[in-house]
Amino acid sequence: AALCYLPTRFQKMVEFYHTEIPAAYRDLGLGDLLVIQGFRWAETAKLLVIPTCPFVRRYLEKNSGSWDCVVQSESEGL
């Protein structure tokens, strides 16, 4: 399982762009755990996160207001 991210042009900003869960492990909550740990890592590292991954965006819709590190674009994070 993986939560994939990329750096942006700004040192303190990353993009969460993809999650991958093997078919045998889907629907067990692993994706949510990956996203939660990803946001915890970002907050500890004082990073901002642009969530472009559809799974991450759905997680945020269901759990709105959970993470202060989320921005929708690079310009919002400046």
PDB file of N, CA and C in Angstrom:
ATOM      1  N   ALA A   1       0.848  -1.178   0.000  1.00  0.00           N
ATOM      2  CA  ALA A   1       0.000   0.000   0.000  1.00  0.00           C
ATOM      3  C   ALA A   1       0.884   1.228   0.000  1.00  0.00           C
ATOM      4  N   ALA A   2       0.413   2.311  -0.624  1.00  0.00           N
ATOM      5  CA  ALA A   2       1.236   3.514  -0.715  1.00  0.00           C
ATOM      6  C   ALA A   2       0.382   4.766  -0.828  1.00  0.00           C
ATOM      7  N   LEU A   3       0.873   5.833  -0.225  1.00  0.00           N
ATOM      8  CA  LEU A   3       0.375   7.178  -0.453  1.00  0.00           C
ATOM      9  C   LEU A   3       1.516   7.905  -1.141  1.00  0.00           C
ATOM     10  N   CYS A   4       1.308   8.294  -2.384  1.00  0.00           N
ATOM     11  CA  CYS A   4       2.375   8.898  -3.182  1.00  0.00           C
ATOM     12  C   CYS A   4       2.300  10.413  -3.094  1.00  0.00           C
ATOM     13  N   TYR A   5       3.461  11.037  -2.999  1.00  0.00           N
ATOM     14  CA  TYR A   5       3.509  12.490  -2.946  1.00  0.00           C
ATOM     15  C   TYR A   5       4.691  12.993  -3.754  1.00  0.00           C
ATOM     16  N   LEU A   6       4.601  14.248  -4.142  1.00  0.00           N
ATOM     17  CA  LEU A   6       5.659  14.917  -4.890  1.00  0.00           C
ATOM     18  C   LEU A   6       5.962  16.256  -4.243  1.00  0.00           C
ATOM     19  N   PRO A   7       7.207  16.700  -4.347  1.00  0.00           N
ATOM     20  CA  PRO A   7       7.492  18.062  -3.910  1.00  0.00           C
ATOM     21  C   PRO A   7       6.888  19.043  -4.909  1.00  0.00           C
ATOM     22  N   THR A   8       6.682  20.264  -4.480  1.00  0.00           N
ATOM     23  CA  THR A   8       6.254  21.325  -5.385  1.00  0.00           C
ATOM     24  C   THR A   8       7.436  22.271  -5.570  1.00  0.00           C
ATOM     25  N   ARG A   9       7.198  23.395  -6.222  1.00  0.00           N
ATOM     26  CA  ARG A   9       8.281  24.368  -6.391  1.00  0.00           C
ATOM     27  C   ARG A   9       8.645  25.042  -5.076  1.00  0.00           C
ATOM     28  N   PHE A  10       7.813  24.850  -4.065  1.00  0.00           N
ATOM     29  CA  PHE A  10       8.026  25.490  -2.775  1.00  0.00           C
ATOM     30  C   PHE A  10       8.481  24.447  -1.754  1.00  0.00           C
ATOM     31  N   GLN A  11       9.501  24.789  -1.022  1.00  0.00           N
ATOM     32  CA  GLN A  11      10.155  23.835  -0.134  1.00  0.00           C
ATOM     33  C   GLN A  11       9.221  23.243   0.921  1.00  0.00           C
ATOM     34  N   LYS A  12       8.279  23.999   1.402  1.00  0.00           N
ATOM     35  CA  LYS A  12       7.413  23.527   2.483  1.00  0.00           C
ATOM     36  C   LYS A  12       6.027  23.121   2.000  1.00  0.00           C
ATOM     37  N   MET A  13       5.952  22.619   0.762  1.00  0.00           N
ATOM     38  CA  MET A  13       4.665  22.228   0.208  1.00  0.00           C
ATOM     39  C   MET A  13       4.835  20.954  -0.624  1.00  0.00           C
ATOM     40  N   VAL A  14       3.933  19.986  -0.429  1.00  0.00           N
ATOM     41  CA  VAL A  14       3.946  18.743  -1.206  1.00  0.00           C
ATOM     42  C   VAL A  14       2.549  18.502  -1.777  1.00  0.00           C
ATOM     43  N   GLU A  15       2.496  17.623  -2.750  1.00  0.00           N
ATOM     44  CA  GLU A  15       1.230  17.223  -3.367  1.00  0.00           C
ATOM     45  C   GLU A  15       1.004  15.744  -3.103  1.00  0.00           C
ATOM     46  N   PHE A  16      -0.134  15.392  -2.495  1.00  0.00           N
ATOM     47  CA  PHE A  16      -0.538  13.996  -2.371  1.00  0.00           C
ATOM     48  C   PHE A  16      -1.323  13.669  -3.637  1.00  0.00           C
ATOM     49  N   TYR A  17      -0.736  12.872  -4.544  1.00  0.00           N
ATOM     50  CA  TYR A  17      -1.341  12.693  -5.860  1.00  0.00           C
ATOM     51  C   TYR A  17      -1.910  11.301  -6.130  1.00  0.00           C
ATOM     52  N   HIS A  18      -1.617  10.312  -5.290  1.00  0.00           N
ATOM     53  CA  HIS A  18      -2.110   8.958  -5.589  1.00  0.00           C
ATOM     54  C   HIS A  18      -2.048   8.083  -4.343  1.00  0.00           C
ATOM     55  N   THR A  19      -3.047   7.225  -4.180  1.00  0.00           N
ATOM     56  CA  THR A  19      -2.979   6.157  -3.184  1.00  0.00           C
ATOM     57  C   THR A  19      -3.155   4.837  -3.913  1.00  0.00           C
ATOM     58  N   GLU A  20      -2.482   3.834  -3.422  1.00  0.00           N
ATOM     59  CA  GLU A  20      -2.554   2.505  -4.035  1.00  0.00           C
ATOM     60  C   GLU A  20      -2.700   1.475  -2.930  1.00  0.00           C
ATOM     61  N   ILE A  21      -3.790   0.726  -2.990  1.00  0.00           N
ATOM     62  CA  ILE A  21      -4.036  -0.360  -2.037  1.00  0.00           C
ATOM     63  C   ILE A  21      -4.231  -1.637  -2.854  1.00  0.00           C
ATOM     64  N   PRO A  22      -3.467  -2.700  -2.583  1.00  0.00           N
ATOM     65  CA  PRO A  22      -3.681  -3.952  -3.304  1.00  0.00           C
ATOM     66  C   PRO A  22      -5.134  -4.425  -3.151  1.00  0.00           C
ATOM     67  N   ALA A  23      -5.666  -5.008  -4.190  1.00  0.00           N
ATOM     68  CA  ALA A  23      -7.076  -5.418  -4.220  1.00  0.00           C
ATOM     69  C   ALA A  23      -7.463  -6.280  -3.016  1.00  0.00           C
ATOM     70  N   ALA A  24      -6.581  -7.155  -2.601  1.00  0.00           N
ATOM     71  CA  ALA A  24      -6.894  -8.049  -1.474  1.00  0.00           C
ATOM     72  C   ALA A  24      -7.054  -7.304  -0.157  1.00  0.00           C
ATOM     73  N   TYR A  25      -6.585  -6.049  -0.085  1.00  0.00           N
ATOM     74  CA  TYR A  25      -6.612  -5.299   1.168  1.00  0.00           C
ATOM     75  C   TYR A  25      -7.549  -4.087   1.129  1.00  0.00           C
ATOM     76  N   ARG A  26      -8.326  -3.978   0.066  1.00  0.00           N
ATOM     77  CA  ARG A  26      -9.250  -2.850  -0.034  1.00  0.00           C
ATOM     78  C   ARG A  26     -10.435  -3.037   0.902  1.00  0.00           C
ATOM     79  N   ASP A  27     -11.073  -1.954   1.234  1.00  0.00           N
ATOM     80  CA  ASP A  27     -12.254  -1.931   2.109  1.00  0.00           C
ATOM     81  C   ASP A  27     -11.944  -2.361   3.539  1.00  0.00           C
ATOM     82  N   LEU A  28     -10.684  -2.226   3.948  1.00  0.00           N
ATOM     83  CA  LEU A  28     -10.294  -2.539   5.326  1.00  0.00           C
ATOM     84  C   LEU A  28      -9.886  -1.291   6.100  1.00  0.00           C
ATOM     85  N   GLY A  29      -9.989  -0.122   5.461  1.00  0.00           N
ATOM     86  CA  GLY A  29      -9.611   1.123   6.111  1.00  0.00           C
ATOM     87  C   GLY A  29      -8.144   1.492   5.983  1.00  0.00           C
ATOM     88  N   LEU A  30      -7.383   0.726   5.182  1.00  0.00           N
ATOM     89  CA  LEU A  30      -5.954   1.014   5.047  1.00  0.00           C
ATOM     90  C   LEU A  30      -5.710   2.352   4.361  1.00  0.00           C
ATOM     91  N   GLY A  31      -6.542   2.693   3.383  1.00  0.00           N
ATOM     92  CA  GLY A  31      -6.390   3.975   2.702  1.00  0.00           C
ATOM     93  C   GLY A  31      -6.550   5.135   3.667  1.00  0.00           C
ATOM     94  N   ASP A  32      -7.563   5.057   4.525  1.00  0.00           N
ATOM     95  CA  ASP A  32      -7.764   6.100   5.533  1.00  0.00           C
ATOM     96  C   ASP A  32      -6.547   6.199   6.458  1.00  0.00           C
ATOM     97  N   LEU A  33      -6.019   5.062   6.871  1.00  0.00           N
ATOM     98  CA  LEU A  33      -4.843   5.078   7.743  1.00  0.00           C
ATOM     99  C   LEU A  33      -3.641   5.723   7.057  1.00  0.00           C
ATOM    100  N   LEU A  34      -3.451   5.417   5.770  1.00  0.00           N
ATOM    101  CA  LEU A  34      -2.361   6.040   5.023  1.00  0.00           C
ATOM    102  C   LEU A  34      -2.527   7.550   4.966  1.00  0.00           C
ATOM    103  N   VAL A  35      -3.734   7.999   4.680  1.00  0.00           N
ATOM    104  CA  VAL A  35      -3.995   9.435   4.583  1.00  0.00           C
ATOM    105  C   VAL A  35      -3.767  10.113   5.934  1.00  0.00           C
ATOM    106  N   ILE A  36      -4.278   9.520   6.996  1.00  0.00           N
ATOM    107  CA  ILE A  36      -4.094  10.088   8.329  1.00  0.00           C
ATOM    108  C   ILE A  36      -2.610  10.209   8.668  1.00  0.00           C
ATOM    109  N   GLN A  37      -1.865   9.141   8.439  1.00  0.00           N
ATOM    110  CA  GLN A  37      -0.425   9.174   8.732  1.00  0.00           C
ATOM    111  C   GLN A  37       0.294  10.176   7.838  1.00  0.00           C
ATOM    112  N   GLY A  38      -0.133  10.288   6.584  1.00  0.00           N
ATOM    113  CA  GLY A  38       0.464  11.275   5.683  1.00  0.00           C
ATOM    114  C   GLY A  38       0.265  12.692   6.186  1.00  0.00           C
ATOM    115  N   PHE A  39      -0.951  13.005   6.641  1.00  0.00           N
ATOM    116  CA  PHE A  39      -1.213  14.337   7.169  1.00  0.00           C
ATOM    117  C   PHE A  39      -0.486  14.569   8.495  1.00  0.00           C
ATOM    118  N   ARG A  40      -0.392  13.551   9.320  1.00  0.00           N
ATOM    119  CA  ARG A  40       0.376  13.698  10.573  1.00  0.00           C
ATOM    120  C   ARG A  40       1.838  14.005  10.271  1.00  0.00           C
ATOM    121  N   TRP A  41       2.398  13.277   9.291  1.00  0.00           N
ATOM    122  CA  TRP A  41       3.784  13.522   8.876  1.00  0.00           C
ATOM    123  C   TRP A  41       3.944  14.953   8.384  1.00  0.00           C
ATOM    124  N   ALA A  42       3.009  15.405   7.537  1.00  0.00           N
ATOM    125  CA  ALA A  42       3.090  16.753   6.986  1.00  0.00           C
ATOM    126  C   ALA A  42       3.018  17.802   8.096  1.00  0.00           C
ATOM    127  N   GLU A  43       2.117  17.614   9.046  1.00  0.00           N
ATOM    128  CA  GLU A  43       2.005  18.589  10.133  1.00  0.00           C
ATOM    129  C   GLU A  43       3.252  18.595  11.006  1.00  0.00           C
ATOM    130  N   THR A  44       3.797  17.430  11.311  1.00  0.00           N
ATOM    131  CA  THR A  44       5.021  17.348  12.109  1.00  0.00           C
ATOM    132  C   THR A  44       6.185  18.022  11.388  1.00  0.00           C
ATOM    133  N   ALA A  45       6.254  17.846  10.075  1.00  0.00           N
ATOM    134  CA  ALA A  45       7.327  18.439   9.265  1.00  0.00           C
ATOM    135  C   ALA A  45       7.026  19.885   8.877  1.00  0.00           C
ATOM    136  N   LYS A  46       5.874  20.410   9.314  1.00  0.00           N
ATOM    137  CA  LYS A  46       5.438  21.769   8.998  1.00  0.00           C
ATOM    138  C   LYS A  46       5.326  21.997   7.492  1.00  0.00           C
ATOM    139  N   LEU A  47       4.743  20.991   6.815  1.00  0.00           N
ATOM    140  CA  LEU A  47       4.515  21.078   5.378  1.00  0.00           C
ATOM    141  C   LEU A  47       3.055  21.394   5.099  1.00  0.00           C
ATOM    142  N   LEU A  48       2.806  22.026   3.977  1.00  0.00           N
ATOM    143  CA  LEU A  48       1.452  22.182   3.465  1.00  0.00           C
ATOM    144  C   LEU A  48       1.221  21.105   2.425  1.00  0.00           C
ATOM    145  N   VAL A  49      -0.017  20.642   2.304  1.00  0.00           N
ATOM    146  CA  VAL A  49      -0.353  19.548   1.386  1.00  0.00           C
ATOM    147  C   VAL A  49      -1.423  20.001   0.401  1.00  0.00           C
ATOM    148  N   ILE A  50      -1.144  19.786  -0.878  1.00  0.00           N
ATOM    149  CA  ILE A  50      -2.142  19.972  -1.926  1.00  0.00           C
ATOM    150  C   ILE A  50      -2.695  18.584  -2.242  1.00  0.00           C
ATOM    151  N   PRO A  51      -3.964  18.322  -1.950  1.00  0.00           N
ATOM    152  CA  PRO A  51      -4.529  16.985  -2.177  1.00  0.00           C
ATOM    153  C   PRO A  51      -5.138  16.865  -3.578  1.00  0.00           C
ATOM    154  N   THR A  52      -4.409  16.293  -4.517  1.00  0.00           N
ATOM    155  CA  THR A  52      -4.954  16.091  -5.868  1.00  0.00           C
ATOM    156  C   THR A  52      -5.451  14.666  -6.087  1.00  0.00           C
ATOM    157  N   CYS A  53      -5.079  13.749  -5.219  1.00  0.00           N
ATOM    158  CA  CYS A  53      -5.538  12.359  -5.317  1.00  0.00           C
ATOM    159  C   CYS A  53      -7.040  12.290  -5.022  1.00  0.00           C
ATOM    160  N   PRO A  54      -7.818  11.655  -5.895  1.00  0.00           N
ATOM    161  CA  PRO A  54      -9.261  11.551  -5.652  1.00  0.00           C
ATOM    162  C   PRO A  54      -9.607  10.886  -4.317  1.00  0.00           C
ATOM    163  N   PHE A  55      -8.865   9.873  -3.923  1.00  0.00           N
ATOM    164  CA  PHE A  55      -9.146   9.207  -2.645  1.00  0.00           C
ATOM    165  C   PHE A  55      -8.921  10.168  -1.484  1.00  0.00           C
ATOM    166  N   VAL A  56      -7.829  10.899  -1.518  1.00  0.00           N
ATOM    167  CA  VAL A  56      -7.519  11.860  -0.452  1.00  0.00           C
ATOM    168  C   VAL A  56      -8.588  12.946  -0.410  1.00  0.00           C
ATOM    169  N   ARG A  57      -9.024  13.422  -1.573  1.00  0.00           N
ATOM    170  CA  ARG A  57     -10.064  14.455  -1.620  1.00  0.00           C
ATOM    171  C   ARG A  57     -11.378  13.943  -1.021  1.00  0.00           C
ATOM    172  N   ARG A  58     -11.735  12.689  -1.324  1.00  0.00           N
ATOM    173  CA  ARG A  58     -12.948  12.111  -0.734  1.00  0.00           C
ATOM    174  C   ARG A  58     -12.813  11.989   0.786  1.00  0.00           C
ATOM    175  N   TYR A  59     -11.637  11.567   1.238  1.00  0.00           N
ATOM    176  CA  TYR A  59     -11.393  11.481   2.684  1.00  0.00           C
ATOM    177  C   TYR A  59     -11.626  12.844   3.329  1.00  0.00           C
ATOM    178  N   LEU A  60     -11.093  13.893   2.731  1.00  0.00           N
ATOM    179  CA  LEU A  60     -11.237  15.229   3.291  1.00  0.00           C
ATOM    180  C   LEU A  60     -12.690  15.697   3.283  1.00  0.00           C
ATOM    181  N   GLU A  61     -13.439  15.335   2.252  1.00  0.00           N
ATOM    182  CA  GLU A  61     -14.860  15.705   2.209  1.00  0.00           C
ATOM    183  C   GLU A  61     -15.619  15.066   3.370  1.00  0.00           C
ATOM    184  N   LYS A  62     -15.281  13.827   3.679  1.00  0.00           N
ATOM    185  CA  LYS A  62     -15.947  13.109   4.772  1.00  0.00           C
ATOM    186  C   LYS A  62     -15.467  13.578   6.147  1.00  0.00           C
ATOM    187  N   ASN A  63     -14.255  14.099   6.199  1.00  0.00           N
ATOM    188  CA  ASN A  63     -13.635  14.492   7.472  1.00  0.00           C
ATOM    189  C   ASN A  63     -13.206  15.952   7.416  1.00  0.00           C
ATOM    190  N   SER A  64     -14.097  16.824   7.020  1.00  0.00           N
ATOM    191  CA  SER A  64     -13.749  18.234   6.810  1.00  0.00           C
ATOM    192  C   SER A  64     -13.270  18.883   8.104  1.00  0.00           C
ATOM    193  N   GLY A  65     -12.338  19.800   7.936  1.00  0.00           N
ATOM    194  CA  GLY A  65     -11.810  20.529   9.080  1.00  0.00           C
ATOM    195  C   GLY A  65     -10.804  19.773   9.906  1.00  0.00           C
ATOM    196  N   SER A  66     -10.377  18.612   9.434  1.00  0.00           N
ATOM    197  CA  SER A  66      -9.498  17.769  10.232  1.00  0.00           C
ATOM    198  C   SER A  66      -8.039  18.218  10.222  1.00  0.00           C
ATOM    199  N   TRP A  67      -7.580  18.841   9.146  1.00  0.00           N
ATOM    200  CA  TRP A  67      -6.155  19.087   8.975  1.00  0.00           C
ATOM    201  C   TRP A  67      -5.886  20.533   8.562  1.00  0.00           C
ATOM    202  N   ASP A  68      -5.079  21.220   9.351  1.00  0.00           N
ATOM    203  CA  ASP A  68      -4.720  22.605   9.060  1.00  0.00           C
ATOM    204  C   ASP A  68      -3.681  22.718   7.948  1.00  0.00           C
ATOM    205  N   CYS A  69      -3.042  21.631   7.588  1.00  0.00           N
ATOM    206  CA  CYS A  69      -1.961  21.664   6.599  1.00  0.00           C
ATOM    207  C   CYS A  69      -2.468  21.602   5.162  1.00  0.00           C
ATOM    208  N   VAL A  70      -3.769  21.492   4.951  1.00  0.00           N
ATOM    209  CA  VAL A  70      -4.319  21.310   3.604  1.00  0.00           C
ATOM    210  C   VAL A  70      -4.541  22.655   2.922  1.00  0.00           C
ATOM    211  N   VAL A  71      -4.046  22.765   1.695  1.00  0.00           N
ATOM    212  CA  VAL A  71      -4.328  23.902   0.814  1.00  0.00           C
ATOM    213  C   VAL A  71      -4.766  23.338  -0.532  1.00  0.00           C
ATOM    214  N   GLN A  72      -5.521  24.103  -1.283  1.00  0.00           N
ATOM    215  CA  GLN A  72      -6.037  23.604  -2.551  1.00  0.00           C
ATOM    216  C   GLN A  72      -5.121  23.921  -3.736  1.00  0.00           C
ATOM    217  N   SER A  73      -4.174  24.828  -3.558  1.00  0.00           N
ATOM    218  CA  SER A  73      -3.265  25.183  -4.642  1.00  0.00           C
ATOM    219  C   SER A  73      -1.993  25.775  -4.053  1.00  0.00           C
ATOM    220  N   GLU A  74      -0.969  25.881  -4.897  1.00  0.00           N
ATOM    221  CA  GLU A  74       0.279  26.505  -4.445  1.00  0.00           C
ATOM    222  C   GLU A  74       0.043  27.943  -4.026  1.00  0.00           C
ATOM    223  N   SER A  75      -0.776  28.667  -4.789  1.00  0.00           N
ATOM    224  CA  SER A  75      -1.000  30.081  -4.474  1.00  0.00           C
ATOM    225  C   SER A  75      -1.709  30.250  -3.133  1.00  0.00           C
ATOM    226  N   GLU A  76      -2.584  29.327  -2.789  1.00  0.00           N
ATOM    227  CA  GLU A  76      -3.274  29.390  -1.487  1.00  0.00           C
ATOM    228  C   GLU A  76      -2.289  29.195  -0.340  1.00  0.00           C
ATOM    229  N   GLY A  77      -1.241  28.438  -0.576  1.00  0.00           N
ATOM    230  CA  GLY A  77      -0.271  28.147   0.480  1.00  0.00           C
ATOM    231  C   GLY A  77       0.783  29.197   0.672  1.00  0.00           C
ATOM    232  N   LEU A  78       0.817  30.196  -0.199  1.00  0.00           N
ATOM    233  CA  LEU A  78       1.844  31.240  -0.081  1.00  0.00           C
ATOM    234  C   LEU A  78       1.477  32.306   0.915  1.00  0.00           C
TER     235      LEU A  78
END
